[in-house]
């Protein structure tokens, strides 16, 4: 019985805790709706504004990833940014120059930029913007891809918040 209690305590104490109040929002759209065409490959393909709040106390930097979980060949990453200084809590629409210190990683197209939703015609895809609160500044090159970033962030994530939207390109 003592071993069981020790195991439960070990799992509980070694499991990361996340800030329940952390939030991620956009003035361009709300959670659960279809992203406006402006922010997709069918529009101007510009990044939406993003705002995050209530970061955990020991946050040093943040990271943002836009992913498509429904991509035919596994998760597809549309936007990767990391080492955003803790004093920054928003990104403007159509941002071209990142805040000082922030780095753009490579998306699944191999580009260090935002490329919006662009699913195959006829398929509804679900996209997730995720902001991560990190307890460190990551020592990674600017062109780091999302899987490498996610692996490196493990053990440094203090909290995260998501904003989920959908998009489809119905045949005309």
N, C-alpha and C. Protein backbone atom coordinates (compact mmCIF):
# COMPACT_ATOMS: atom_id res chain seq x y z
N UNK A 1 0.83 -1.20 0.00
CA UNK A 1 0.00 0.00 0.00
C UNK A 1 0.87 1.26 0.00
N UNK A 2 1.95 1.24 0.77
CA UNK A 2 2.84 2.38 0.85
C UNK A 2 3.50 2.65 -0.50
N UNK A 3 3.85 1.56 -1.23
CA UNK A 3 4.42 1.72 -2.57
C UNK A 3 3.42 2.38 -3.50
N UNK A 4 2.16 1.97 -3.43
CA UNK A 4 1.12 2.55 -4.26
C UNK A 4 0.96 4.04 -3.99
N UNK A 5 0.91 4.42 -2.73
CA UNK A 5 0.79 5.83 -2.35
C UNK A 5 2.01 6.60 -2.83
N UNK A 6 3.20 6.02 -2.69
CA UNK A 6 4.42 6.67 -3.16
C UNK A 6 4.39 6.87 -4.66
N UNK A 7 3.90 5.87 -5.40
CA UNK A 7 3.80 5.97 -6.85
C UNK A 7 2.81 7.06 -7.26
N UNK A 8 1.66 7.09 -6.62
CA UNK A 8 0.66 8.11 -6.90
C UNK A 8 1.22 9.50 -6.63
N UNK A 9 1.89 9.68 -5.51
CA UNK A 9 2.50 10.97 -5.18
C UNK A 9 3.58 11.34 -6.18
N UNK A 10 4.39 10.38 -6.61
CA UNK A 10 5.43 10.65 -7.61
C UNK A 10 4.80 11.12 -8.92
N UNK A 11 3.78 10.42 -9.40
CA UNK A 11 3.11 10.81 -10.65
C UNK A 11 2.48 12.18 -10.50
N UNK A 12 1.80 12.42 -9.40
CA UNK A 12 1.15 13.71 -9.17
C UNK A 12 2.16 14.85 -9.14
N UNK A 13 3.25 14.66 -8.41
CA UNK A 13 4.24 15.72 -8.25
C UNK A 13 5.09 15.92 -9.49
N UNK A 14 5.22 14.91 -10.35
CA UNK A 14 6.05 15.06 -11.55
C UNK A 14 5.24 15.43 -12.78
N UNK A 15 3.92 15.50 -12.66
CA UNK A 15 3.09 15.90 -13.78
C UNK A 15 3.06 17.42 -13.87
N UNK A 16 3.33 17.99 -15.09
CA UNK A 16 3.32 19.45 -15.20
C UNK A 16 1.94 20.02 -14.88
N UNK A 17 1.93 21.15 -14.24
CA UNK A 17 0.66 21.83 -13.96
C UNK A 17 0.57 23.04 -14.88
N UNK A 18 -0.62 23.33 -15.35
CA UNK A 18 -0.83 24.42 -16.28
C UNK A 18 -1.73 25.48 -15.65
N UNK A 19 -1.47 26.72 -16.05
CA UNK A 19 -2.29 27.82 -15.55
C UNK A 19 -3.69 27.70 -16.13
N UNK A 20 -4.67 27.52 -15.29
CA UNK A 20 -6.04 27.33 -15.74
C UNK A 20 -6.61 28.59 -16.38
N UNK A 21 -6.12 29.75 -16.00
CA UNK A 21 -6.68 31.00 -16.49
C UNK A 21 -6.02 31.53 -17.75
N UNK A 22 -4.97 30.91 -18.22
CA UNK A 22 -4.27 31.38 -19.41
C UNK A 22 -5.24 31.38 -20.58
N UNK A 23 -5.17 32.44 -21.42
CA UNK A 23 -6.12 32.54 -22.53
C UNK A 23 -5.43 32.99 -23.81
N UNK A 24 -6.04 32.65 -24.94
CA UNK A 24 -5.59 33.06 -26.26
C UNK A 24 -6.81 33.48 -27.05
N UNK A 25 -6.80 34.69 -27.59
CA UNK A 25 -7.95 35.20 -28.32
C UNK A 25 -7.49 35.95 -29.58
N UNK A 26 -8.46 36.23 -30.44
CA UNK A 26 -8.23 37.04 -31.64
C UNK A 26 -9.45 37.90 -31.85
N UNK A 27 -9.25 39.12 -32.34
CA UNK A 27 -10.38 39.98 -32.70
C UNK A 27 -10.96 39.57 -34.05
N UNK A 28 -10.22 38.76 -34.81
CA UNK A 28 -10.62 38.37 -36.15
C UNK A 28 -11.66 37.25 -36.17
N UNK A 29 -11.67 36.41 -35.12
CA UNK A 29 -12.58 35.28 -35.08
C UNK A 29 -12.67 34.75 -33.65
N UNK A 30 -13.68 33.93 -33.42
CA UNK A 30 -13.88 33.34 -32.10
C UNK A 30 -13.60 31.84 -32.16
N UNK A 31 -13.39 31.26 -31.01
CA UNK A 31 -13.18 29.81 -30.87
C UNK A 31 -14.31 29.05 -31.55
N UNK A 32 -13.95 28.02 -32.31
CA UNK A 32 -14.93 27.10 -32.86
C UNK A 32 -15.61 27.52 -34.15
N UNK A 33 -15.27 28.69 -34.70
CA UNK A 33 -15.92 29.09 -35.95
C UNK A 33 -14.97 28.85 -37.12
N UNK A 34 -15.44 29.15 -38.31
CA UNK A 34 -14.60 29.07 -39.51
C UNK A 34 -13.74 30.31 -39.58
N UNK A 35 -12.46 30.12 -39.83
CA UNK A 35 -11.54 31.25 -39.93
C UNK A 35 -11.91 32.06 -41.19
N UNK A 36 -11.93 33.37 -41.11
CA UNK A 36 -12.22 34.18 -42.30
C UNK A 36 -11.22 33.89 -43.43
N UNK A 37 -11.70 33.90 -44.66
CA UNK A 37 -10.90 33.59 -45.85
C UNK A 37 -9.65 34.46 -45.92
N UNK A 38 -9.70 35.68 -45.45
CA UNK A 38 -8.57 36.60 -45.46
C UNK A 38 -7.30 35.95 -44.92
N UNK A 39 -7.42 35.08 -43.94
CA UNK A 39 -6.27 34.49 -43.25
C UNK A 39 -5.87 33.12 -43.82
N UNK A 40 -6.41 32.76 -44.99
CA UNK A 40 -6.17 31.46 -45.60
C UNK A 40 -5.48 31.60 -46.95
N UNK A 41 -5.12 30.47 -47.55
CA UNK A 41 -4.50 30.49 -48.88
C UNK A 41 -5.47 30.96 -49.95
N UNK A 42 -6.76 30.99 -49.65
CA UNK A 42 -7.76 31.47 -50.61
C UNK A 42 -7.98 32.97 -50.51
N UNK A 43 -7.38 33.61 -49.51
CA UNK A 43 -7.48 35.05 -49.32
C UNK A 43 -6.11 35.68 -49.45
N UNK A 44 -5.80 36.61 -48.55
CA UNK A 44 -4.50 37.27 -48.56
C UNK A 44 -3.42 36.47 -47.84
N UNK A 45 -3.83 35.42 -47.14
CA UNK A 45 -2.90 34.55 -46.41
C UNK A 45 -2.04 35.33 -45.42
N UNK A 46 -2.69 36.24 -44.70
CA UNK A 46 -2.01 37.02 -43.67
C UNK A 46 -2.33 36.44 -42.30
N UNK A 47 -1.43 36.67 -41.37
CA UNK A 47 -1.66 36.16 -40.01
C UNK A 47 -2.72 36.99 -39.30
N UNK A 48 -3.56 36.35 -38.50
CA UNK A 48 -4.54 37.10 -37.70
C UNK A 48 -3.86 37.71 -36.48
N UNK A 49 -4.53 38.68 -35.87
CA UNK A 49 -4.04 39.20 -34.59
C UNK A 49 -4.25 38.12 -33.54
N UNK A 50 -3.34 38.06 -32.59
CA UNK A 50 -3.48 37.13 -31.47
C UNK A 50 -3.15 37.87 -30.18
N UNK A 51 -3.88 37.55 -29.12
CA UNK A 51 -3.69 38.17 -27.81
C UNK A 51 -3.71 37.05 -26.76
N UNK A 52 -2.76 37.08 -25.84
CA UNK A 52 -2.75 36.09 -24.77
C UNK A 52 -2.62 36.79 -23.43
N UNK A 53 -3.14 36.13 -22.41
CA UNK A 53 -3.19 36.75 -21.08
C UNK A 53 -3.05 35.69 -19.99
N UNK A 54 -2.78 36.19 -18.79
CA UNK A 54 -2.71 35.37 -17.58
C UNK A 54 -1.63 34.29 -17.64
N UNK A 55 -0.43 34.71 -18.03
CA UNK A 55 0.68 33.77 -18.07
C UNK A 55 1.09 33.40 -16.65
N UNK A 56 1.59 32.19 -16.46
CA UNK A 56 2.09 31.80 -15.14
C UNK A 56 3.23 32.73 -14.69
N UNK A 57 3.37 32.87 -13.40
CA UNK A 57 4.30 33.82 -12.80
C UNK A 57 5.75 33.69 -13.27
N UNK A 58 6.25 32.51 -13.47
CA UNK A 58 7.68 32.33 -13.81
C UNK A 58 7.94 32.26 -15.32
N UNK A 59 6.99 32.70 -16.12
CA UNK A 59 7.16 32.68 -17.57
C UNK A 59 8.30 33.59 -17.99
N UNK A 60 9.18 33.08 -18.84
CA UNK A 60 10.29 33.85 -19.40
C UNK A 60 10.04 34.23 -20.86
N UNK A 61 9.50 33.28 -21.63
CA UNK A 61 9.17 33.52 -23.04
C UNK A 61 7.90 32.75 -23.39
N UNK A 62 7.37 33.04 -24.57
CA UNK A 62 6.24 32.28 -25.08
C UNK A 62 6.57 31.77 -26.48
N UNK A 63 5.80 30.80 -26.93
CA UNK A 63 5.91 30.25 -28.28
C UNK A 63 4.50 30.09 -28.82
N UNK A 64 4.37 30.22 -30.13
CA UNK A 64 3.06 30.05 -30.78
C UNK A 64 3.22 29.07 -31.93
N UNK A 65 2.29 28.13 -32.01
CA UNK A 65 2.27 27.17 -33.11
C UNK A 65 0.84 27.09 -33.64
N UNK A 66 0.70 27.13 -34.96
CA UNK A 66 -0.58 26.88 -35.63
C UNK A 66 -0.45 25.53 -36.32
N UNK A 67 -1.32 24.59 -35.94
CA UNK A 67 -1.24 23.24 -36.50
C UNK A 67 -2.58 22.78 -37.05
N UNK A 68 -2.49 21.86 -38.00
CA UNK A 68 -3.65 21.21 -38.61
C UNK A 68 -3.56 19.73 -38.27
N UNK A 69 -4.42 19.27 -37.39
CA UNK A 69 -4.41 17.87 -36.95
C UNK A 69 -5.02 16.93 -37.99
N UNK A 70 -5.74 17.49 -38.96
CA UNK A 70 -6.47 16.66 -39.94
C UNK A 70 -5.70 16.45 -41.24
N UNK A 71 -4.48 16.91 -41.33
CA UNK A 71 -3.70 16.78 -42.56
C UNK A 71 -3.53 15.30 -42.92
N UNK A 72 -3.59 14.98 -44.21
CA UNK A 72 -3.54 13.57 -44.64
C UNK A 72 -2.29 12.82 -44.20
N UNK A 73 -1.15 13.49 -44.08
CA UNK A 73 0.10 12.81 -43.74
C UNK A 73 0.56 13.09 -42.31
N UNK A 74 -0.36 13.40 -41.41
CA UNK A 74 0.00 13.71 -40.04
C UNK A 74 -0.12 15.20 -39.77
N UNK A 75 0.28 15.63 -38.61
CA UNK A 75 0.13 17.03 -38.22
C UNK A 75 0.91 17.92 -39.18
N UNK A 76 0.25 18.98 -39.64
CA UNK A 76 0.87 19.95 -40.55
C UNK A 76 0.96 21.27 -39.80
N UNK A 77 2.14 21.87 -39.80
CA UNK A 77 2.38 23.10 -39.05
C UNK A 77 2.39 24.30 -39.99
N UNK A 78 1.56 25.29 -39.68
CA UNK A 78 1.40 26.48 -40.52
C UNK A 78 2.18 27.69 -40.02
N UNK A 79 2.52 27.70 -38.74
CA UNK A 79 3.19 28.87 -38.17
C UNK A 79 3.92 28.43 -36.92
N UNK A 80 5.18 28.86 -36.80
CA UNK A 80 6.01 28.49 -35.66
C UNK A 80 6.80 29.73 -35.22
N UNK A 81 6.57 30.18 -34.00
CA UNK A 81 7.30 31.32 -33.44
C UNK A 81 7.69 30.96 -32.01
N UNK A 82 8.91 31.31 -31.62
CA UNK A 82 9.33 31.02 -30.25
C UNK A 82 10.26 32.12 -29.73
N UNK A 83 10.55 32.04 -28.44
CA UNK A 83 11.35 33.05 -27.72
C UNK A 83 10.72 34.44 -27.78
N UNK A 84 9.40 34.48 -27.76
CA UNK A 84 8.69 35.76 -27.68
C UNK A 84 8.87 36.27 -26.25
N UNK A 85 9.42 37.46 -26.07
CA UNK A 85 9.65 37.98 -24.71
C UNK A 85 8.35 38.03 -23.90
N UNK A 86 8.46 37.77 -22.61
CA UNK A 86 7.30 37.71 -21.73
C UNK A 86 6.52 39.03 -21.69
N UNK A 87 7.19 40.15 -21.93
CA UNK A 87 6.49 41.44 -21.92
C UNK A 87 5.56 41.62 -23.12
N UNK A 88 5.72 40.79 -24.15
CA UNK A 88 4.86 40.84 -25.34
C UNK A 88 3.67 39.92 -25.10
N UNK A 89 2.46 40.46 -25.30
CA UNK A 89 1.27 39.63 -25.09
C UNK A 89 0.31 39.66 -26.28
N UNK A 90 0.84 40.10 -27.45
CA UNK A 90 0.00 40.10 -28.64
C UNK A 90 0.87 40.19 -29.89
N UNK A 91 0.30 39.72 -30.99
CA UNK A 91 0.89 39.87 -32.30
C UNK A 91 -0.15 40.54 -33.18
N UNK A 92 0.25 41.54 -33.93
CA UNK A 92 -0.66 42.28 -34.79
C UNK A 92 -1.03 41.46 -36.02
N UNK A 93 -2.16 41.80 -36.61
CA UNK A 93 -2.56 41.19 -37.87
C UNK A 93 -1.50 41.47 -38.93
N UNK A 94 -1.25 40.50 -39.80
CA UNK A 94 -0.31 40.61 -40.92
C UNK A 94 1.10 40.98 -40.46
N UNK A 95 1.50 40.52 -39.27
CA UNK A 95 2.80 40.86 -38.73
C UNK A 95 3.91 40.36 -39.66
N UNK A 96 4.85 41.23 -39.94
CA UNK A 96 6.00 40.89 -40.79
C UNK A 96 7.29 40.88 -39.98
N UNK A 97 7.39 41.79 -39.01
CA UNK A 97 8.58 41.89 -38.16
C UNK A 97 8.19 41.44 -36.76
N UNK A 98 8.84 40.38 -36.30
CA UNK A 98 8.53 39.85 -34.96
C UNK A 98 9.13 40.74 -33.89
N UNK A 99 8.59 40.66 -32.67
CA UNK A 99 9.16 41.42 -31.55
C UNK A 99 10.63 41.05 -31.36
N UNK A 100 11.41 41.99 -30.87
CA UNK A 100 12.84 41.78 -30.63
C UNK A 100 13.05 40.54 -29.76
N UNK A 101 13.90 39.64 -30.22
CA UNK A 101 14.19 38.41 -29.48
C UNK A 101 13.40 37.21 -29.97
N UNK A 102 12.23 37.44 -30.55
CA UNK A 102 11.40 36.34 -31.05
C UNK A 102 11.99 35.78 -32.35
N UNK A 103 11.82 34.48 -32.54
CA UNK A 103 12.34 33.82 -33.73
C UNK A 103 11.23 33.08 -34.46
N UNK A 104 11.29 33.10 -35.78
CA UNK A 104 10.34 32.35 -36.60
C UNK A 104 10.95 31.01 -36.94
N UNK A 105 10.22 29.94 -36.62
CA UNK A 105 10.65 28.61 -37.01
C UNK A 105 10.07 28.24 -38.36
N UNK A 106 10.47 27.09 -38.87
CA UNK A 106 9.98 26.63 -40.17
C UNK A 106 8.63 25.95 -40.02
N UNK A 107 7.71 26.29 -40.92
CA UNK A 107 6.44 25.59 -40.97
C UNK A 107 6.61 24.34 -41.83
N UNK A 108 5.55 23.60 -42.06
CA UNK A 108 5.65 22.35 -42.82
C UNK A 108 5.92 22.57 -44.31
N UNK A 109 5.81 23.79 -44.78
CA UNK A 109 6.20 24.13 -46.15
C UNK A 109 7.70 24.45 -46.22
N UNK A 110 8.36 24.44 -45.06
CA UNK A 110 9.78 24.76 -45.02
C UNK A 110 10.05 26.26 -45.03
N UNK A 111 9.02 27.05 -44.72
CA UNK A 111 9.15 28.51 -44.72
C UNK A 111 9.08 29.05 -43.29
N UNK A 112 9.83 30.08 -43.02
CA UNK A 112 9.82 30.72 -41.70
C UNK A 112 8.85 31.88 -41.71
N UNK A 113 7.57 31.57 -41.87
CA UNK A 113 6.53 32.57 -41.96
C UNK A 113 5.16 31.94 -41.70
N UNK A 114 4.16 32.77 -41.63
CA UNK A 114 2.78 32.30 -41.53
C UNK A 114 2.31 31.87 -42.91
N UNK A 115 1.74 30.69 -42.99
CA UNK A 115 0.98 30.24 -44.15
C UNK A 115 -0.31 29.68 -43.59
N UNK A 116 -1.42 30.32 -43.94
CA UNK A 116 -2.69 30.00 -43.34
C UNK A 116 -3.29 28.68 -43.80
N UNK A 117 -4.45 28.37 -43.25
CA UNK A 117 -5.16 27.15 -43.61
C UNK A 117 -5.33 27.01 -45.12
N UNK A 118 -5.13 25.78 -45.61
CA UNK A 118 -5.19 25.50 -47.04
C UNK A 118 -5.44 24.00 -47.24
N UNK A 119 -6.57 23.50 -46.72
CA UNK A 119 -6.81 22.06 -46.82
C UNK A 119 -7.16 21.64 -48.25
N UNK A 120 -7.10 20.34 -48.52
CA UNK A 120 -7.56 19.86 -49.83
C UNK A 120 -9.03 20.23 -50.02
N UNK A 121 -9.43 20.47 -51.25
CA UNK A 121 -10.84 20.84 -51.51
C UNK A 121 -11.77 19.75 -51.04
N UNK A 122 -12.87 20.18 -50.42
CA UNK A 122 -13.90 19.26 -49.97
C UNK A 122 -13.72 18.75 -48.55
N UNK A 123 -12.58 19.06 -47.93
CA UNK A 123 -12.33 18.54 -46.58
C UNK A 123 -12.40 19.66 -45.55
N UNK A 124 -13.11 19.41 -44.46
CA UNK A 124 -13.12 20.34 -43.34
C UNK A 124 -11.94 19.98 -42.44
N UNK A 125 -11.07 20.94 -42.21
CA UNK A 125 -9.93 20.71 -41.32
C UNK A 125 -10.07 21.58 -40.08
N UNK A 126 -9.52 21.09 -38.99
CA UNK A 126 -9.55 21.79 -37.71
C UNK A 126 -8.15 22.27 -37.40
N UNK A 127 -8.04 23.55 -37.10
CA UNK A 127 -6.75 24.19 -36.86
C UNK A 127 -6.69 24.68 -35.42
N UNK A 128 -5.49 24.58 -34.85
CA UNK A 128 -5.30 25.00 -33.47
C UNK A 128 -4.14 25.97 -33.36
N UNK A 129 -4.44 27.17 -32.89
CA UNK A 129 -3.40 28.11 -32.48
C UNK A 129 -3.12 27.77 -31.02
N UNK A 130 -1.86 27.56 -30.67
CA UNK A 130 -1.49 27.28 -29.29
C UNK A 130 -0.39 28.23 -28.86
N UNK A 131 -0.58 28.88 -27.70
CA UNK A 131 0.48 29.68 -27.11
C UNK A 131 0.99 28.90 -25.90
N UNK A 132 2.30 28.80 -25.80
CA UNK A 132 2.96 28.10 -24.70
C UNK A 132 3.72 29.10 -23.84
N UNK A 133 3.55 29.02 -22.54
CA UNK A 133 4.33 29.81 -21.58
C UNK A 133 5.51 28.95 -21.16
N UNK A 134 6.72 29.47 -21.35
CA UNK A 134 7.93 28.70 -21.07
C UNK A 134 8.75 29.34 -19.95
N UNK A 135 9.46 28.51 -19.22
CA UNK A 135 10.27 29.00 -18.10
C UNK A 135 11.70 29.35 -18.52
N UNK A 136 11.94 29.43 -19.83
CA UNK A 136 13.29 29.67 -20.33
C UNK A 136 13.26 30.32 -21.71
N UNK A 137 14.41 30.79 -22.14
CA UNK A 137 14.63 31.19 -23.52
C UNK A 137 15.32 29.99 -24.17
N UNK A 138 14.78 29.53 -25.28
CA UNK A 138 15.31 28.32 -25.92
C UNK A 138 16.53 28.61 -26.78
N UNK A 139 17.51 27.74 -26.70
CA UNK A 139 18.73 27.87 -27.51
C UNK A 139 18.57 27.05 -28.78
N UNK A 140 17.81 27.59 -29.70
CA UNK A 140 17.54 26.93 -30.98
C UNK A 140 17.75 27.92 -32.11
N UNK A 141 18.11 27.44 -33.30
CA UNK A 141 18.24 28.36 -34.44
C UNK A 141 16.88 28.85 -34.92
N UNK A 142 16.88 29.96 -35.63
CA UNK A 142 15.65 30.58 -36.10
C UNK A 142 14.84 29.67 -37.01
N UNK A 143 15.44 28.77 -37.73
CA UNK A 143 14.70 27.94 -38.67
C UNK A 143 14.28 26.58 -38.11
N UNK A 144 14.20 26.47 -36.79
CA UNK A 144 13.79 25.22 -36.13
C UNK A 144 12.37 24.84 -36.54
N UNK A 145 12.15 23.57 -36.82
CA UNK A 145 10.80 23.13 -37.18
C UNK A 145 9.98 22.84 -35.92
N UNK A 146 8.67 22.70 -36.10
CA UNK A 146 7.76 22.52 -34.97
C UNK A 146 8.04 21.26 -34.15
N UNK A 147 8.27 20.09 -34.78
CA UNK A 147 8.54 18.90 -33.95
C UNK A 147 9.77 19.08 -33.06
N UNK A 148 10.82 19.71 -33.58
CA UNK A 148 12.03 19.95 -32.78
C UNK A 148 11.72 20.93 -31.66
N UNK A 149 10.97 21.98 -31.97
CA UNK A 149 10.58 22.95 -30.96
C UNK A 149 9.76 22.29 -29.86
N UNK A 150 8.78 21.51 -30.24
CA UNK A 150 7.92 20.85 -29.25
C UNK A 150 8.73 19.92 -28.36
N UNK A 151 9.67 19.20 -28.94
CA UNK A 151 10.51 18.29 -28.15
C UNK A 151 11.39 19.08 -27.18
N UNK A 152 11.97 20.18 -27.66
CA UNK A 152 12.85 21.00 -26.82
C UNK A 152 12.08 21.69 -25.69
N UNK A 153 10.82 22.03 -25.93
CA UNK A 153 10.01 22.71 -24.92
C UNK A 153 9.62 21.79 -23.76
N UNK A 154 9.64 20.48 -23.97
CA UNK A 154 9.23 19.56 -22.92
C UNK A 154 10.04 19.82 -21.65
N UNK A 155 9.34 19.88 -20.54
CA UNK A 155 9.97 20.17 -19.26
C UNK A 155 10.09 21.67 -18.97
N UNK A 156 9.74 22.49 -19.96
CA UNK A 156 9.82 23.95 -19.79
C UNK A 156 8.45 24.62 -19.91
N UNK A 157 7.41 23.86 -20.20
CA UNK A 157 6.07 24.43 -20.40
C UNK A 157 5.40 24.65 -19.05
N UNK A 158 5.12 25.92 -18.76
CA UNK A 158 4.43 26.29 -17.52
C UNK A 158 2.92 26.34 -17.71
N UNK A 159 2.50 26.57 -18.94
CA UNK A 159 1.08 26.68 -19.25
C UNK A 159 0.88 26.80 -20.73
N UNK A 160 -0.36 26.61 -21.17
CA UNK A 160 -0.68 26.78 -22.57
C UNK A 160 -2.15 27.11 -22.72
N UNK A 161 -2.46 27.76 -23.84
CA UNK A 161 -3.85 28.09 -24.16
C UNK A 161 -4.03 27.87 -25.65
N UNK A 162 -5.23 27.51 -26.06
CA UNK A 162 -5.50 27.23 -27.47
C UNK A 162 -6.68 28.05 -27.98
N UNK A 163 -6.68 28.19 -29.29
CA UNK A 163 -7.79 28.82 -30.01
C UNK A 163 -8.02 27.93 -31.22
N UNK A 164 -9.18 27.26 -31.25
CA UNK A 164 -9.46 26.27 -32.30
C UNK A 164 -10.48 26.82 -33.28
N UNK A 165 -10.16 26.62 -34.58
CA UNK A 165 -11.05 27.08 -35.65
C UNK A 165 -11.11 26.01 -36.73
N UNK A 166 -11.99 26.18 -37.68
CA UNK A 166 -12.10 25.25 -38.79
C UNK A 166 -11.99 25.99 -40.11
N UNK A 167 -11.74 25.23 -41.18
CA UNK A 167 -11.73 25.80 -42.53
C UNK A 167 -11.88 24.68 -43.54
N UNK A 168 -12.64 24.96 -44.61
CA UNK A 168 -12.78 24.00 -45.70
C UNK A 168 -12.79 24.78 -47.01
N UNK A 169 -12.37 24.11 -48.07
CA UNK A 169 -12.35 24.68 -49.41
C UNK A 169 -13.27 23.80 -50.25
N UNK A 170 -14.56 24.09 -50.21
CA UNK A 170 -15.53 23.26 -50.90
C UNK A 170 -15.37 23.40 -52.40
N UNK A 171 -15.50 22.31 -53.16
CA UNK A 171 -15.40 22.40 -54.63
C UNK A 171 -16.47 23.35 -55.18
N UNK A 172 -16.08 24.09 -56.22
CA UNK A 172 -16.99 25.07 -56.82
C UNK A 172 -17.64 24.46 -58.03
